[in-house]
Amino acid sequence: MLVETLLEKYGAFVVIFFAIIGVLYIMHLFSLIFLRKKAGKIMPALFILVENAQDEIEGFIRNLFNAGIMERFLELNVIDVGSGDETLEILKRLSEEIGINVFEGINGLENEILKYPYMILMDLRKMKPVEALNCLLSNFIEKTKIRTNIPEKIGP
């Protein structure tokens, strides 16, 4: 009798209380899944601009994954800004094979860029792939190495 009286009196309150907790938990799961939090930090997305890089782009992207660099980034977005060689075809093949995002040109990227709270942009038109890998290694990996077999430097 006492339980029924309590449920009648406070039943709606209990249901609302647990509904609020459920909504908060779902929001928390959403943030973990879609913002991919690690160690309390939101990971940045990596954007790379390329042009006429058919000879080095595949090796560069594979090195990003093999060296563990991509474990520090949410996604890899490669933007071909007008290659006249086979760069775009190589990128499309890699997109299907390892799941990178490939864009042809910078027009219409505003919505894509706004998806990420943080991003890093590297322009491979202005630096060699070896320099870019070393930059990423020194700035994102060496402080707290992900793997013990990451080389200190790549290339000569």
N, C-alpha and C. Protein backbone atom coordinates (compact mmCIF):
# COMPACT_ATOMS: atom_id res chain seq x y z
N MET A 1 0.82 -1.18 0.00
CA MET A 1 0.00 0.00 0.00
C MET A 1 0.87 1.26 0.00
N LEU A 2 1.91 1.23 0.80
CA LEU A 2 2.81 2.38 0.90
C LEU A 2 3.55 2.60 -0.42
N VAL A 3 3.98 1.51 -1.08
CA VAL A 3 4.70 1.61 -2.35
C VAL A 3 3.78 2.21 -3.42
N GLU A 4 2.54 1.75 -3.46
CA GLU A 4 1.59 2.27 -4.44
C GLU A 4 1.33 3.75 -4.22
N THR A 5 1.24 4.16 -2.98
CA THR A 5 1.01 5.57 -2.67
C THR A 5 2.21 6.40 -3.11
N LEU A 6 3.41 5.91 -2.85
CA LEU A 6 4.61 6.63 -3.27
C LEU A 6 4.71 6.73 -4.79
N LEU A 7 4.37 5.63 -5.49
CA LEU A 7 4.42 5.66 -6.94
C LEU A 7 3.39 6.63 -7.50
N GLU A 8 2.22 6.67 -6.90
CA GLU A 8 1.21 7.61 -7.37
C GLU A 8 1.65 9.05 -7.13
N LYS A 9 2.28 9.27 -5.98
CA LYS A 9 2.69 10.63 -5.63
C LYS A 9 3.92 11.09 -6.39
N TYR A 10 4.91 10.21 -6.49
CA TYR A 10 6.21 10.60 -7.06
C TYR A 10 6.55 9.88 -8.37
N GLY A 11 5.64 9.13 -8.91
CA GLY A 11 5.90 8.36 -10.12
C GLY A 11 6.33 9.21 -11.30
N ALA A 12 5.63 10.30 -11.53
CA ALA A 12 5.98 11.17 -12.66
C ALA A 12 7.36 11.77 -12.45
N PHE A 13 7.68 12.14 -11.23
CA PHE A 13 9.00 12.71 -10.93
C PHE A 13 10.11 11.70 -11.23
N VAL A 14 9.92 10.46 -10.83
CA VAL A 14 10.93 9.41 -11.07
C VAL A 14 11.10 9.17 -12.56
N VAL A 15 10.01 9.10 -13.29
CA VAL A 15 10.08 8.88 -14.73
C VAL A 15 10.81 10.04 -15.40
N ILE A 16 10.47 11.26 -15.04
CA ILE A 16 11.14 12.43 -15.63
C ILE A 16 12.61 12.45 -15.26
N PHE A 17 12.94 12.12 -14.03
CA PHE A 17 14.33 12.09 -13.59
C PHE A 17 15.15 11.11 -14.42
N PHE A 18 14.64 9.89 -14.59
CA PHE A 18 15.38 8.90 -15.37
C PHE A 18 15.39 9.24 -16.86
N ALA A 19 14.36 9.91 -17.35
CA ALA A 19 14.35 10.34 -18.75
C ALA A 19 15.45 11.38 -18.99
N ILE A 20 15.61 12.29 -18.06
CA ILE A 20 16.67 13.31 -18.19
C ILE A 20 18.04 12.65 -18.16
N ILE A 21 18.24 11.71 -17.25
CA ILE A 21 19.52 10.99 -17.18
C ILE A 21 19.76 10.24 -18.50
N GLY A 22 18.74 9.62 -19.05
CA GLY A 22 18.88 8.91 -20.32
C GLY A 22 19.27 9.84 -21.46
N VAL A 23 18.65 11.00 -21.54
CA VAL A 23 18.98 11.96 -22.59
C VAL A 23 20.42 12.44 -22.43
N LEU A 24 20.84 12.73 -21.22
CA LEU A 24 22.22 13.16 -20.97
C LEU A 24 23.22 12.07 -21.35
N TYR A 25 22.89 10.84 -21.05
CA TYR A 25 23.78 9.73 -21.40
C TYR A 25 23.88 9.58 -22.92
N ILE A 26 22.76 9.71 -23.62
CA ILE A 26 22.78 9.61 -25.08
C ILE A 26 23.61 10.75 -25.68
N MET A 27 23.50 11.96 -25.12
CA MET A 27 24.30 13.08 -25.60
C MET A 27 25.79 12.82 -25.37
N HIS A 28 26.12 12.23 -24.23
CA HIS A 28 27.50 11.88 -23.93
C HIS A 28 28.03 10.85 -24.93
N LEU A 29 27.25 9.82 -25.21
CA LEU A 29 27.67 8.82 -26.20
C LEU A 29 27.83 9.45 -27.57
N PHE A 30 26.95 10.33 -27.94
CA PHE A 30 27.04 11.03 -29.22
C PHE A 30 28.36 11.79 -29.32
N SER A 31 28.72 12.50 -28.26
CA SER A 31 29.97 13.26 -28.29
C SER A 31 31.18 12.34 -28.37
N LEU A 32 31.14 11.21 -27.70
CA LEU A 32 32.26 10.27 -27.77
C LEU A 32 32.41 9.66 -29.16
N ILE A 33 31.30 9.33 -29.77
CA ILE A 33 31.35 8.70 -31.08
C ILE A 33 31.73 9.69 -32.16
N PHE A 34 31.08 10.85 -32.18
CA PHE A 34 31.26 11.76 -33.29
C PHE A 34 32.39 12.75 -33.11
N LEU A 35 32.79 13.03 -31.90
CA LEU A 35 33.94 13.91 -31.70
C LEU A 35 35.20 13.12 -31.37
N ARG A 36 35.04 11.82 -31.16
CA ARG A 36 36.14 10.90 -30.94
C ARG A 36 37.12 11.41 -29.90
N LYS A 37 36.64 11.52 -28.69
CA LYS A 37 37.48 12.02 -27.61
C LYS A 37 38.49 10.96 -27.18
N LYS A 38 39.69 11.40 -26.91
CA LYS A 38 40.71 10.53 -26.33
C LYS A 38 41.38 11.30 -25.21
N ALA A 39 41.45 10.69 -24.07
CA ALA A 39 42.11 11.28 -22.91
C ALA A 39 41.57 12.68 -22.61
N GLY A 40 40.26 12.87 -22.80
CA GLY A 40 39.65 14.14 -22.47
C GLY A 40 39.89 15.25 -23.47
N LYS A 41 40.52 14.97 -24.59
CA LYS A 41 40.81 16.00 -25.59
C LYS A 41 40.11 15.67 -26.89
N ILE A 42 39.63 16.69 -27.55
CA ILE A 42 39.03 16.50 -28.86
C ILE A 42 40.15 16.50 -29.89
N MET A 43 40.15 15.52 -30.74
CA MET A 43 41.23 15.37 -31.72
C MET A 43 40.98 16.27 -32.93
N PRO A 44 42.04 16.85 -33.49
CA PRO A 44 41.86 17.68 -34.69
C PRO A 44 41.76 16.82 -35.94
N ALA A 45 41.18 17.40 -36.97
CA ALA A 45 41.18 16.78 -38.30
C ALA A 45 42.41 17.30 -39.04
N LEU A 46 42.98 16.48 -39.89
CA LEU A 46 44.15 16.87 -40.68
C LEU A 46 43.71 17.11 -42.12
N PHE A 47 43.96 18.32 -42.61
CA PHE A 47 43.68 18.68 -44.00
C PHE A 47 45.01 18.89 -44.71
N ILE A 48 45.14 18.29 -45.89
CA ILE A 48 46.37 18.40 -46.66
C ILE A 48 46.03 18.89 -48.07
N LEU A 49 46.69 19.97 -48.49
CA LEU A 49 46.54 20.47 -49.85
C LEU A 49 47.64 19.86 -50.72
N VAL A 50 47.25 19.33 -51.88
CA VAL A 50 48.24 18.74 -52.80
C VAL A 50 47.96 19.21 -54.22
N GLU A 51 49.02 19.19 -55.02
CA GLU A 51 48.90 19.49 -56.44
C GLU A 51 50.07 18.84 -57.16
N ASN A 52 49.77 18.06 -58.19
CA ASN A 52 50.79 17.38 -58.99
C ASN A 52 51.79 16.63 -58.11
N ALA A 53 51.27 15.73 -57.30
CA ALA A 53 52.11 14.99 -56.35
C ALA A 53 52.02 13.49 -56.58
N GLN A 54 51.83 13.06 -57.82
CA GLN A 54 51.62 11.64 -58.09
C GLN A 54 52.78 10.76 -57.65
N ASP A 55 54.00 11.28 -57.64
CA ASP A 55 55.16 10.46 -57.31
C ASP A 55 55.31 10.20 -55.81
N GLU A 56 54.77 11.11 -54.98
CA GLU A 56 55.01 10.94 -53.54
C GLU A 56 53.76 10.85 -52.68
N ILE A 57 52.57 11.13 -53.21
CA ILE A 57 51.40 11.22 -52.35
C ILE A 57 51.00 9.89 -51.71
N GLU A 58 51.07 8.80 -52.45
CA GLU A 58 50.68 7.51 -51.87
C GLU A 58 51.62 7.11 -50.74
N GLY A 59 52.91 7.25 -50.95
CA GLY A 59 53.87 6.93 -49.88
C GLY A 59 53.69 7.82 -48.66
N PHE A 60 53.43 9.10 -48.90
CA PHE A 60 53.22 10.03 -47.79
C PHE A 60 52.02 9.62 -46.95
N ILE A 61 50.90 9.32 -47.61
CA ILE A 61 49.69 8.96 -46.87
C ILE A 61 49.87 7.63 -46.15
N ARG A 62 50.49 6.67 -46.80
CA ARG A 62 50.72 5.38 -46.12
C ARG A 62 51.65 5.55 -44.92
N ASN A 63 52.64 6.41 -45.03
CA ASN A 63 53.52 6.69 -43.88
C ASN A 63 52.78 7.34 -42.73
N LEU A 64 51.80 8.19 -43.03
CA LEU A 64 50.99 8.79 -41.95
C LEU A 64 50.33 7.71 -41.10
N PHE A 65 49.81 6.69 -41.77
CA PHE A 65 49.14 5.61 -41.05
C PHE A 65 50.13 4.64 -40.43
N ASN A 66 51.17 4.27 -41.16
CA ASN A 66 52.14 3.28 -40.68
C ASN A 66 52.95 3.79 -39.49
N ALA A 67 53.25 5.07 -39.46
CA ALA A 67 54.04 5.63 -38.36
C ALA A 67 53.18 5.94 -37.13
N GLY A 68 51.88 5.76 -37.24
CA GLY A 68 51.00 6.02 -36.09
C GLY A 68 50.59 7.48 -35.97
N ILE A 69 50.92 8.29 -36.94
CA ILE A 69 50.59 9.71 -36.88
C ILE A 69 49.08 9.92 -36.91
N MET A 70 48.38 9.15 -37.71
CA MET A 70 46.93 9.34 -37.84
C MET A 70 46.16 8.96 -36.59
N GLU A 71 46.82 8.29 -35.64
CA GLU A 71 46.16 7.99 -34.37
C GLU A 71 45.92 9.25 -33.56
N ARG A 72 46.58 10.32 -33.92
CA ARG A 72 46.43 11.61 -33.23
C ARG A 72 45.41 12.53 -33.90
N PHE A 73 44.86 12.09 -35.02
CA PHE A 73 43.94 12.93 -35.76
C PHE A 73 42.61 12.22 -35.96
N LEU A 74 41.55 13.01 -36.01
CA LEU A 74 40.21 12.49 -36.20
C LEU A 74 40.05 11.88 -37.59
N GLU A 75 40.43 12.63 -38.62
CA GLU A 75 40.30 12.17 -39.99
C GLU A 75 41.39 12.80 -40.84
N LEU A 76 41.62 12.18 -42.00
CA LEU A 76 42.53 12.74 -42.98
C LEU A 76 41.70 13.20 -44.18
N ASN A 77 41.83 14.49 -44.49
CA ASN A 77 41.13 15.10 -45.62
C ASN A 77 42.18 15.62 -46.58
N VAL A 78 42.20 15.11 -47.80
CA VAL A 78 43.19 15.53 -48.79
C VAL A 78 42.45 16.31 -49.88
N ILE A 79 42.96 17.50 -50.17
CA ILE A 79 42.34 18.38 -51.14
C ILE A 79 43.29 18.55 -52.32
N ASP A 80 42.87 18.05 -53.48
CA ASP A 80 43.65 18.23 -54.70
C ASP A 80 43.21 19.55 -55.32
N VAL A 81 44.15 20.49 -55.43
CA VAL A 81 43.81 21.84 -55.88
C VAL A 81 44.11 22.07 -57.35
N GLY A 82 44.00 21.04 -58.16
CA GLY A 82 44.15 21.24 -59.61
C GLY A 82 45.32 20.51 -60.23
N SER A 83 45.51 19.28 -59.85
CA SER A 83 46.61 18.51 -60.41
C SER A 83 46.36 18.21 -61.88
N GLY A 84 47.45 18.25 -62.66
CA GLY A 84 47.38 17.88 -64.06
C GLY A 84 47.92 16.49 -64.31
N ASP A 85 48.28 15.79 -63.23
CA ASP A 85 48.82 14.44 -63.36
C ASP A 85 47.84 13.43 -62.77
N GLU A 86 48.31 12.31 -62.29
CA GLU A 86 47.45 11.23 -61.78
C GLU A 86 47.18 11.33 -60.27
N THR A 87 47.49 12.46 -59.65
CA THR A 87 47.33 12.59 -58.20
C THR A 87 45.90 12.31 -57.75
N LEU A 88 44.92 12.90 -58.40
CA LEU A 88 43.52 12.72 -57.99
C LEU A 88 43.09 11.26 -58.10
N GLU A 89 43.51 10.57 -59.14
CA GLU A 89 43.14 9.16 -59.29
C GLU A 89 43.77 8.31 -58.17
N ILE A 90 45.00 8.62 -57.83
CA ILE A 90 45.67 7.90 -56.73
C ILE A 90 44.93 8.15 -55.43
N LEU A 91 44.53 9.39 -55.19
CA LEU A 91 43.81 9.74 -53.96
C LEU A 91 42.46 9.03 -53.89
N LYS A 92 41.76 8.96 -55.01
CA LYS A 92 40.46 8.28 -55.02
C LYS A 92 40.63 6.79 -54.72
N ARG A 93 41.68 6.20 -55.24
CA ARG A 93 41.95 4.78 -54.95
C ARG A 93 42.26 4.58 -53.47
N LEU A 94 43.07 5.48 -52.91
CA LEU A 94 43.40 5.40 -51.48
C LEU A 94 42.17 5.64 -50.62
N SER A 95 41.28 6.50 -51.09
CA SER A 95 40.04 6.76 -50.35
C SER A 95 39.23 5.48 -50.19
N GLU A 96 39.13 4.72 -51.26
CA GLU A 96 38.39 3.46 -51.19
C GLU A 96 39.14 2.41 -50.38
N GLU A 97 40.46 2.43 -50.45
CA GLU A 97 41.27 1.40 -49.80
C GLU A 97 41.42 1.63 -48.30
N ILE A 98 41.74 2.86 -47.88
CA ILE A 98 42.02 3.09 -46.46
C ILE A 98 41.11 4.11 -45.79
N GLY A 99 40.18 4.68 -46.55
CA GLY A 99 39.16 5.52 -45.94
C GLY A 99 39.54 6.96 -45.66
N ILE A 100 40.29 7.59 -46.53
CA ILE A 100 40.56 9.01 -46.38
C ILE A 100 39.48 9.79 -47.14
N ASN A 101 39.31 11.05 -46.80
CA ASN A 101 38.38 11.91 -47.51
C ASN A 101 39.14 12.68 -48.57
N VAL A 102 38.64 12.64 -49.81
CA VAL A 102 39.32 13.30 -50.93
C VAL A 102 38.37 14.34 -51.52
N PHE A 103 38.92 15.53 -51.77
CA PHE A 103 38.14 16.61 -52.36
C PHE A 103 38.89 17.15 -53.57
N GLU A 104 38.12 17.49 -54.59
CA GLU A 104 38.70 18.07 -55.80
C GLU A 104 38.43 19.56 -55.77
N GLY A 105 39.45 20.34 -55.49
CA GLY A 105 39.32 21.79 -55.39
C GLY A 105 38.80 22.22 -54.02
N ILE A 106 38.88 23.52 -53.76
CA ILE A 106 38.48 24.03 -52.45
C ILE A 106 37.07 24.61 -52.43
N ASN A 107 36.44 24.72 -53.59
CA ASN A 107 35.08 25.25 -53.63
C ASN A 107 34.11 24.32 -52.93
N GLY A 108 33.27 24.87 -52.08
CA GLY A 108 32.26 24.09 -51.38
C GLY A 108 32.75 23.36 -50.16
N LEU A 109 33.96 23.62 -49.69
CA LEU A 109 34.49 22.92 -48.51
C LEU A 109 34.10 23.57 -47.20
N GLU A 110 33.39 24.70 -47.25
CA GLU A 110 33.05 25.40 -46.02
C GLU A 110 32.29 24.50 -45.05
N ASN A 111 31.29 23.78 -45.54
CA ASN A 111 30.50 22.90 -44.67
C ASN A 111 31.34 21.76 -44.12
N GLU A 112 32.24 21.24 -44.91
CA GLU A 112 33.11 20.15 -44.46
C GLU A 112 34.03 20.64 -43.33
N ILE A 113 34.60 21.80 -43.52
CA ILE A 113 35.52 22.36 -42.53
C ILE A 113 34.79 22.69 -41.24
N LEU A 114 33.56 23.16 -41.32
CA LEU A 114 32.80 23.54 -40.14
C LEU A 114 32.39 22.35 -39.28
N LYS A 115 32.53 21.13 -39.79
CA LYS A 115 32.20 19.94 -39.01
C LYS A 115 33.17 19.73 -37.85
N TYR A 116 34.38 20.28 -37.96
CA TYR A 116 35.43 19.96 -37.00
C TYR A 116 35.68 21.14 -36.06
N PRO A 117 35.77 20.87 -34.76
CA PRO A 117 36.09 21.96 -33.83
C PRO A 117 37.55 22.41 -33.96
N TYR A 118 38.43 21.50 -34.35
CA TYR A 118 39.85 21.82 -34.53
C TYR A 118 40.33 21.16 -35.81
N MET A 119 41.25 21.84 -36.49
CA MET A 119 41.84 21.24 -37.68
C MET A 119 43.25 21.77 -37.88
N ILE A 120 44.04 20.98 -38.60
CA ILE A 120 45.39 21.37 -38.97
C ILE A 120 45.46 21.28 -40.48
N LEU A 121 46.01 22.33 -41.09
CA LEU A 121 46.13 22.39 -42.54
C LEU A 121 47.60 22.37 -42.91
N MET A 122 47.97 21.43 -43.77
CA MET A 122 49.34 21.37 -44.29
C MET A 122 49.28 21.53 -45.80
N ASP A 123 50.15 22.37 -46.32
CA ASP A 123 50.19 22.63 -47.75
C ASP A 123 51.41 21.92 -48.34
N LEU A 124 51.18 20.74 -48.94
CA LEU A 124 52.29 19.97 -49.51
C LEU A 124 52.81 20.57 -50.80
N ARG A 125 52.15 21.61 -51.28
CA ARG A 125 52.68 22.31 -52.45
C ARG A 125 53.89 23.15 -52.06
N LYS A 126 54.02 23.46 -50.78
CA LYS A 126 55.09 24.34 -50.30
C LYS A 126 56.17 23.61 -49.50
N MET A 127 55.97 22.32 -49.28
CA MET A 127 56.99 21.56 -48.55
C MET A 127 57.06 20.14 -49.08
N LYS A 128 58.20 19.54 -48.90
CA LYS A 128 58.39 18.16 -49.34
C LYS A 128 57.67 17.22 -48.37
N PRO A 129 57.19 16.08 -48.87
CA PRO A 129 56.50 15.13 -47.98
C PRO A 129 57.35 14.70 -46.79
N VAL A 130 58.66 14.55 -47.00
CA VAL A 130 59.55 14.15 -45.90
C VAL A 130 59.55 15.22 -44.81
N GLU A 131 59.59 16.49 -45.21
CA GLU A 131 59.54 17.59 -44.24
C GLU A 131 58.21 17.60 -43.49
N ALA A 132 57.12 17.34 -44.21
CA ALA A 132 55.80 17.31 -43.58
C ALA A 132 55.71 16.18 -42.55
N LEU A 133 56.21 14.99 -42.90
CA LEU A 133 56.19 13.87 -41.94
C LEU A 133 57.02 14.19 -40.71
N ASN A 134 58.20 14.76 -40.92
CA ASN A 134 59.04 15.12 -39.78
C ASN A 134 58.39 16.17 -38.91
N CYS A 135 57.70 17.12 -39.53
CA CYS A 135 56.98 18.14 -38.78
C CYS A 135 55.89 17.50 -37.92
N LEU A 136 55.11 16.61 -38.51
CA LEU A 136 54.06 15.94 -37.75
C LEU A 136 54.64 15.06 -36.65
N LEU A 137 55.73 14.36 -36.95
CA LEU A 137 56.36 13.52 -35.93
C LEU A 137 56.85 14.36 -34.76
N SER A 138 57.52 15.47 -35.05
CA SER A 138 58.10 16.27 -33.97
C SER A 138 57.05 17.01 -33.17
N ASN A 139 55.97 17.44 -33.80
CA ASN A 139 54.98 18.24 -33.09
C ASN A 139 53.85 17.44 -32.46
N PHE A 140 53.57 16.25 -32.96
CA PHE A 140 52.42 15.52 -32.45
C PHE A 140 52.75 14.16 -31.86
N ILE A 141 53.92 13.64 -32.14
CA ILE A 141 54.21 12.28 -31.70
C ILE A 141 55.29 12.25 -30.64
N GLU A 142 56.36 12.98 -30.81
CA GLU A 142 57.51 12.84 -29.93
C GLU A 142 57.20 13.19 -28.48
N LYS A 143 56.25 14.07 -28.23
CA LYS A 143 55.93 14.44 -26.85
C LYS A 143 55.41 13.24 -26.07
N THR A 144 54.51 12.51 -26.67
CA THR A 144 53.98 11.28 -26.07
C THR A 144 53.85 10.26 -27.19
N LYS A 145 54.87 9.48 -27.38
CA LYS A 145 54.90 8.54 -28.50
C LYS A 145 53.81 7.50 -28.36
N ILE A 146 53.20 7.21 -29.49
CA ILE A 146 52.15 6.20 -29.53
C ILE A 146 52.76 4.81 -29.59
N ARG A 147 53.75 4.68 -30.43
CA ARG A 147 54.43 3.40 -30.58
C ARG A 147 55.91 3.60 -30.30
N THR A 148 56.56 2.54 -29.91
CA THR A 148 57.98 2.67 -29.59
C THR A 148 58.86 2.59 -30.82
N ASN A 149 58.35 2.16 -31.96
CA ASN A 149 59.18 2.00 -33.14
C ASN A 149 59.06 3.16 -34.13
N ILE A 150 58.57 4.31 -33.69
CA ILE A 150 58.47 5.47 -34.56
C ILE A 150 59.88 6.05 -34.75
N PRO A 151 60.30 6.23 -35.99
CA PRO A 151 61.64 6.77 -36.21
C PRO A 151 61.71 8.24 -35.81
N GLU A 152 62.88 8.67 -35.37
CA GLU A 152 63.05 10.06 -35.00
C GLU A 152 62.93 10.96 -36.22
N LYS A 153 63.46 10.54 -37.34
CA LYS A 153 63.38 11.29 -38.58
C LYS A 153 63.11 10.31 -39.71
N ILE A 154 62.40 10.79 -40.73
CA ILE A 154 62.16 9.99 -41.91
C ILE A 154 62.89 10.66 -43.06
N GLY A 155 63.60 9.90 -43.84
CA GLY A 155 64.31 10.44 -44.99
C GLY A 155 65.74 10.85 -44.65
N PRO A 156 66.41 11.51 -45.60
CA PRO A 156 67.82 11.86 -45.40
C PRO A 156 68.02 12.96 -44.38
